[in-house]
Amino acid sequence: MGRSVLKEVYLGIGTNLYDREKNLQDALSCIRKHIGLISDVSSVYETEPWGYNDNNAYLNLVLHVKTRFTPEIVLKRAMSIEVMMGRTRKCRQGYESRVIDIDILLYENRIISKPELKVPHPLLHMRKFVLVPLAEIFPKGVHPVLDKTFSVLLEECSDDGRISKYGSLPDYS
């Protein structure tokens, strides 16, 4: 059987409960083990919750991952990592605090619109907590639907949520 070609995936990760730095480290370790090779990691950014009010600030980052898995399998594995790390999903609609959140932002230049999976992430261009770290590691990348670079989308983004550089993770390799 031939070797499968690695696909380029960008994942957004956020956490605002418990030991946030450890949550990010644990998520990266699980992603390396269950999804693929991490080839780049943005700085970590501290942000206020988006879409709801909470006193717990988030830590967010974006990863560039090379994987042999389909988008559907990446999604299943990301959701499994969330569950392994203690995330519970409430039945109610809306946003809430979480130990970890892993979103597929981009999968190659693919456009996927299924009930369970939408790529590129449908809110990517509206969220500074995603655009800032994504533009940091993929500034000339082009949104496959909006046909604009992530740097341009960041300039155009009307999100006025607070975001500040928190630092970087010591080791992601």
Protein backbone atom coordinates (compact mmCIF):
# COMPACT_ATOMS: atom_id res chain seq x y z
CA MET A 1 0.00 0.00 0.00
CA GLY A 2 1.37 3.44 -0.92
CA ARG A 3 2.05 6.19 1.55
CA SER A 4 -0.71 8.72 1.91
CA VAL A 5 0.04 12.35 1.22
CA LEU A 6 -0.03 14.57 4.27
CA LYS A 7 -2.73 17.22 4.28
CA GLU A 8 -2.38 20.74 5.71
CA VAL A 9 -4.78 21.53 8.55
CA TYR A 10 -5.07 24.61 10.76
CA LEU A 11 -6.63 24.08 14.16
CA GLY A 12 -7.78 26.71 16.64
CA ILE A 13 -7.50 25.82 20.32
CA GLY A 14 -8.97 27.64 23.30
CA THR A 15 -9.33 27.07 27.03
CA ASN A 16 -10.61 29.12 29.95
CA LEU A 17 -10.94 26.64 32.82
CA TYR A 18 -8.47 25.26 35.38
CA ASP A 19 -4.77 25.29 34.41
CA ARG A 20 -5.05 26.89 30.99
CA GLU A 21 -1.38 26.50 30.02
CA LYS A 22 -1.43 22.81 30.95
CA ASN A 23 -4.65 22.37 28.97
CA LEU A 24 -2.94 23.78 25.87
CA GLN A 25 0.15 21.60 26.39
CA ASP A 26 -2.01 18.50 26.91
CA ALA A 27 -4.06 19.29 23.80
CA LEU A 28 -0.92 19.66 21.69
CA SER A 29 0.41 16.37 23.00
CA CYS A 30 -2.87 14.61 22.15
CA ILE A 31 -3.03 16.24 18.71
CA ARG A 32 0.51 15.05 17.98
CA LYS A 33 -0.45 11.54 19.07
CA HIS A 34 -3.90 11.25 17.46
CA ILE A 35 -4.07 13.72 14.53
CA GLY A 36 -0.66 14.48 13.06
CA LEU A 37 2.64 16.31 12.97
CA ILE A 38 2.54 19.83 14.42
CA SER A 39 4.65 21.96 12.10
CA ASP A 40 3.92 25.42 13.54
CA VAL A 41 2.28 26.95 16.61
CA SER A 42 1.27 30.57 17.03
CA SER A 43 1.94 32.59 20.13
CA VAL A 44 -0.60 32.17 22.90
CA TYR A 45 -3.14 34.99 23.22
CA GLU A 46 -5.31 35.87 26.17
CA THR A 47 -8.80 36.94 25.18
CA GLU A 48 -12.13 37.70 26.71
CA PRO A 49 -14.96 35.24 26.03
CA TRP A 50 -16.63 35.69 22.63
CA GLY A 51 -20.40 35.49 22.37
CA TYR A 52 -21.10 35.38 26.12
CA ASN A 53 -20.07 37.00 29.40
CA ASP A 54 -17.71 35.24 31.80
CA ASN A 55 -14.94 36.32 34.15
CA ASN A 56 -12.59 33.56 32.96
CA ALA A 57 -10.31 34.78 30.16
CA TYR A 58 -9.35 32.36 27.40
CA LEU A 59 -5.95 31.32 26.19
CA ASN A 60 -6.04 30.76 22.42
CA LEU A 61 -3.60 29.65 19.77
CA VAL A 62 -3.55 28.26 16.23
CA LEU A 63 -1.67 25.17 15.06
CA HIS A 64 -0.51 24.09 11.63
CA VAL A 65 -0.79 20.31 11.50
CA LYS A 66 0.13 17.83 8.77
CA THR A 67 -2.16 14.82 8.83
CA ARG A 68 -2.96 11.73 6.83
CA PHE A 69 -6.57 11.77 8.02
CA THR A 70 -9.69 13.03 6.24
CA PRO A 71 -11.44 16.13 7.62
CA GLU A 72 -14.15 13.93 9.12
CA ILE A 73 -11.63 11.80 10.99
CA VAL A 74 -9.74 14.91 12.17
CA LEU A 75 -13.03 16.22 13.56
CA LYS A 76 -13.83 12.93 15.32
CA ARG A 77 -10.35 12.77 16.82
CA ALA A 78 -10.45 16.43 17.92
CA MET A 79 -13.79 15.84 19.64
CA SER A 80 -12.39 12.69 21.28
CA ILE A 81 -9.44 14.70 22.61
CA GLU A 82 -11.87 17.26 24.05
CA VAL A 83 -13.78 14.48 25.84
CA MET A 84 -10.55 12.83 27.08
CA MET A 85 -9.53 16.19 28.54
CA GLY A 86 -12.83 16.58 30.39
CA ARG A 87 -14.94 18.72 28.10
CA THR A 88 -18.65 18.25 28.46
CA ARG A 89 -21.15 19.69 26.04
CA LYS A 90 -24.39 20.99 27.43
CA CYS A 91 -27.61 20.52 25.48
CA ARG A 92 -28.41 24.23 25.57
CA GLN A 93 -27.54 26.53 22.72
CA GLY A 94 -24.86 29.17 23.03
CA TYR A 95 -21.31 29.45 24.26
CA GLU A 96 -19.91 28.46 27.63
CA SER A 97 -16.63 28.07 29.47
CA ARG A 98 -14.65 24.98 28.57
CA VAL A 99 -11.56 23.06 29.53
CA ILE A 100 -10.61 22.77 25.84
CA ASP A 101 -12.06 23.60 22.46
CA ILE A 102 -10.47 22.38 19.23
CA ASP A 103 -11.82 23.75 15.95
CA ILE A 104 -10.85 22.88 12.39
CA LEU A 105 -10.24 26.28 10.83
CA LEU A 106 -8.89 25.14 7.46
CA TYR A 107 -8.27 21.83 5.73
CA GLU A 108 -6.13 22.43 2.65
CA ASN A 109 -8.13 24.80 0.43
CA ARG A 110 -11.22 22.67 0.79
CA ILE A 111 -14.73 23.98 1.27
CA ILE A 112 -16.88 21.52 3.23
CA SER A 113 -20.48 22.15 4.18
CA LYS A 114 -22.03 19.28 6.08
CA PRO A 115 -24.28 19.53 9.13
CA GLU A 116 -21.50 18.22 11.38
CA LEU A 117 -18.52 19.87 9.64
CA LYS A 118 -18.04 23.24 8.02
CA VAL A 119 -14.63 24.18 6.61
CA PRO A 120 -13.38 26.83 6.58
CA HIS A 121 -14.76 27.51 10.03
CA PRO A 122 -17.83 29.69 9.36
CA LEU A 123 -16.95 32.31 12.02
CA LEU A 124 -13.20 32.42 11.39
CA HIS A 125 -13.27 35.85 9.72
CA MET A 126 -15.35 37.39 12.54
CA ARG A 127 -13.11 36.43 15.48
CA LYS A 128 -9.90 38.24 16.34
CA PHE A 129 -8.95 35.47 18.76
CA VAL A 130 -8.65 33.23 15.69
CA LEU A 131 -7.44 35.74 13.09
CA VAL A 132 -4.58 37.18 15.16
CA PRO A 133 -2.80 33.83 15.74
CA LEU A 134 -3.73 32.54 12.27
CA ALA A 135 -2.33 35.66 10.57
CA GLU A 136 0.79 35.27 12.71
CA ILE A 137 1.65 31.83 11.30
CA PHE A 138 -0.17 31.98 7.92
CA PRO A 139 -0.38 35.69 6.96
CA LYS A 140 -0.46 35.13 3.20
CA GLY A 141 -2.88 32.24 3.44
CA VAL A 142 -6.10 32.89 1.57
CA HIS A 143 -9.59 32.18 2.88
CA PRO A 144 -11.02 29.74 0.30
CA VAL A 145 -14.49 31.32 0.35
CA LEU A 146 -13.79 35.02 0.90
CA ASP A 147 -10.66 35.04 -1.30
CA LYS A 148 -8.76 37.38 1.03
CA THR A 149 -5.58 36.81 3.00
CA PHE A 150 -5.86 36.31 6.73
CA SER A 151 -3.87 39.51 7.25
CA VAL A 152 -6.48 41.45 5.25
CA LEU A 153 -9.34 39.72 7.07
CA LEU A 154 -7.74 40.70 10.37
CA GLU A 155 -7.53 44.36 9.26
CA GLU A 156 -11.20 44.24 8.25
CA CYS A 157 -12.41 42.39 11.35
CA SER A 158 -14.89 44.40 13.43
CA ASP A 159 -14.46 42.22 16.55
CA ASP A 160 -13.56 44.65 19.34
CA GLY A 161 -12.85 41.99 21.96
CA ARG A 162 -9.73 42.41 24.09
CA ILE A 163 -6.79 40.30 22.92
CA SER A 164 -3.24 40.41 24.22
CA LYS A 165 -0.16 38.33 23.62
CA TYR A 166 0.25 35.96 26.54
CA GLY A 167 3.47 34.28 25.42
CA SER A 168 4.39 31.04 23.75
CA LEU A 169 4.44 27.43 24.76
CA PRO A 170 7.92 26.25 25.71
CA ASP A 171 8.02 23.21 23.44
CA TYR A 172 5.54 21.79 20.97
CA SER A 173 7.74 19.43 19.01
